[in-house]
Protein backbone atom coordinates (compact mmCIF):
# COMPACT_ATOMS: atom_id res chain seq x y z
CA LEU A 1 1.23 -3.03 -20.29
CA ASP A 2 0.65 0.57 -20.98
CA LYS A 3 4.13 1.08 -22.16
CA PHE A 4 3.44 -0.91 -25.15
CA GLY A 5 -0.13 0.18 -25.74
CA ILE A 6 0.84 3.81 -25.94
CA LEU A 7 3.09 2.86 -28.91
CA ASN A 8 -0.03 2.13 -31.10
CA ASP A 9 -1.01 4.28 -33.65
CA THR A 10 -3.22 7.31 -32.82
CA PHE A 11 -6.73 7.67 -34.34
CA MET A 12 -7.35 11.24 -34.88
CA PHE A 13 -10.86 12.85 -35.11
CA THR A 14 -12.50 16.14 -34.95
CA VAL A 15 -15.95 17.10 -33.45
CA THR A 16 -17.48 20.07 -35.12
CA ASN A 17 -20.46 22.08 -34.30
CA ASN A 18 -21.89 23.01 -37.70
CA SER A 19 -24.72 25.07 -36.29
CA ASP A 20 -24.91 28.71 -35.26
CA ASN A 21 -25.82 27.69 -31.78
CA GLU A 22 -24.04 26.45 -28.79
CA GLN A 23 -24.17 22.53 -28.65
CA ASN A 24 -23.29 19.85 -26.18
CA TYR A 25 -21.53 16.85 -27.34
CA VAL A 26 -20.47 13.41 -25.83
CA VAL A 27 -17.63 11.12 -27.23
CA LYS A 28 -18.02 7.49 -26.62
CA LEU A 29 -16.42 4.16 -27.71
CA VAL A 30 -19.31 1.63 -28.23
CA ASP A 31 -19.60 -1.85 -29.47
CA SER A 32 -21.65 -2.04 -32.70
CA ALA A 33 -20.40 -5.44 -33.62
CA ASP A 34 -23.08 -8.09 -34.23
CA ILE A 35 -21.50 -11.05 -32.51
CA VAL A 36 -22.08 -12.88 -29.46
CA SER A 37 -18.65 -12.56 -27.94
CA THR A 38 -17.36 -8.99 -27.04
CA ILE A 39 -14.51 -7.50 -24.82
CA PRO A 40 -15.67 -5.92 -21.66
CA ASN A 41 -15.36 -2.34 -21.62
CA ASN A 42 -13.32 -2.36 -18.38
CA ASP A 43 -10.66 -4.61 -20.28
CA ILE A 44 -10.11 -1.96 -22.90
CA ARG A 45 -7.43 0.65 -22.07
CA TYR A 46 -7.08 4.10 -23.89
CA GLN A 47 -4.97 7.07 -24.00
CA LEU A 48 -6.91 10.34 -24.79
CA MET A 49 -5.44 13.57 -26.26
CA VAL A 50 -7.20 16.66 -26.62
CA GLY A 51 -5.58 19.04 -29.23
CA GLU A 52 -1.89 18.43 -28.65
CA GLU A 53 -2.33 17.49 -24.90
CA ILE A 54 -2.21 14.04 -23.45
CA VAL A 55 -5.15 14.08 -20.98
CA GLY A 56 -4.55 10.68 -19.38
CA THR A 57 -4.73 6.79 -19.77
CA TYR A 58 -7.65 5.10 -18.46
CA ASN A 59 -9.77 1.88 -18.56
CA LEU A 60 -12.95 2.42 -20.60
CA SER A 61 -16.21 2.81 -18.54
CA SER A 62 -19.09 0.52 -18.55
CA GLY A 63 -20.98 3.00 -20.83
CA GLY A 64 -18.08 3.70 -23.07
CA PHE A 65 -17.84 7.31 -22.03
CA ILE A 66 -14.69 9.14 -23.26
CA ASP A 67 -15.31 12.82 -23.00
CA ALA A 68 -17.89 15.51 -23.22
CA GLY A 69 -18.07 19.27 -23.59
CA THR A 70 -19.85 22.30 -25.14
CA LEU A 71 -18.83 23.91 -28.54
CA ALA A 72 -19.92 27.32 -29.61
CA GLY A 73 -21.30 27.55 -33.10
CA GLY A 74 -18.93 26.88 -35.76
CA GLU A 75 -16.22 25.76 -33.20
CA SER A 76 -14.29 22.35 -33.41
CA ILE A 77 -12.35 20.28 -31.09
CA ASN A 78 -9.60 17.94 -32.09
CA TYR A 79 -9.06 14.52 -30.33
CA GLY A 80 -6.67 11.67 -30.55
CA ILE A 81 -7.15 8.18 -29.03
CA LYS A 82 -4.97 5.10 -28.68
CA VAL A 83 -6.87 1.76 -27.82
CA TRP A 84 -5.42 -1.63 -26.53
CA LEU A 85 -6.37 -4.53 -24.45
CA ASP A 86 -5.67 -4.41 -20.83
CA TYR A 87 -2.65 -6.59 -19.94
CA ASP A 88 -4.65 -8.27 -17.08
CA ALA A 89 -7.69 -9.23 -19.27
CA THR A 90 -8.35 -12.80 -19.34
CA GLU A 91 -10.77 -15.19 -21.15
CA THR A 92 -12.71 -15.63 -17.58
CA ASP A 93 -13.46 -11.85 -18.11
CA GLY A 94 -15.65 -12.93 -21.02
CA VAL A 95 -13.22 -11.60 -23.70
CA TRP A 96 -13.55 -14.48 -25.90
CA LEU A 97 -16.46 -16.42 -24.52
CA PRO A 98 -20.20 -16.07 -25.70
CA GLN A 99 -22.02 -14.42 -23.22
């Protein structure tokens, strides 16, 4: 349930444009584990914060997309994310089974 998921610790990170030019960026949650069994993205829930503002609570998209934007040279943006397994996720969704 989301009411328990949002009690998780927040992972904070900053995206910084260290160049002098405007740059686009994309924030994604990707599976880099070298294992056979993975959790399908749509079974992963997350709450996104930009700065101090909670943007919303979502299921992760199939491509792992979280957010995107443009930063001016030297500009930064702060993010916070809480991640948990969807309450309705089951083994039949492939969560614990080899694919």
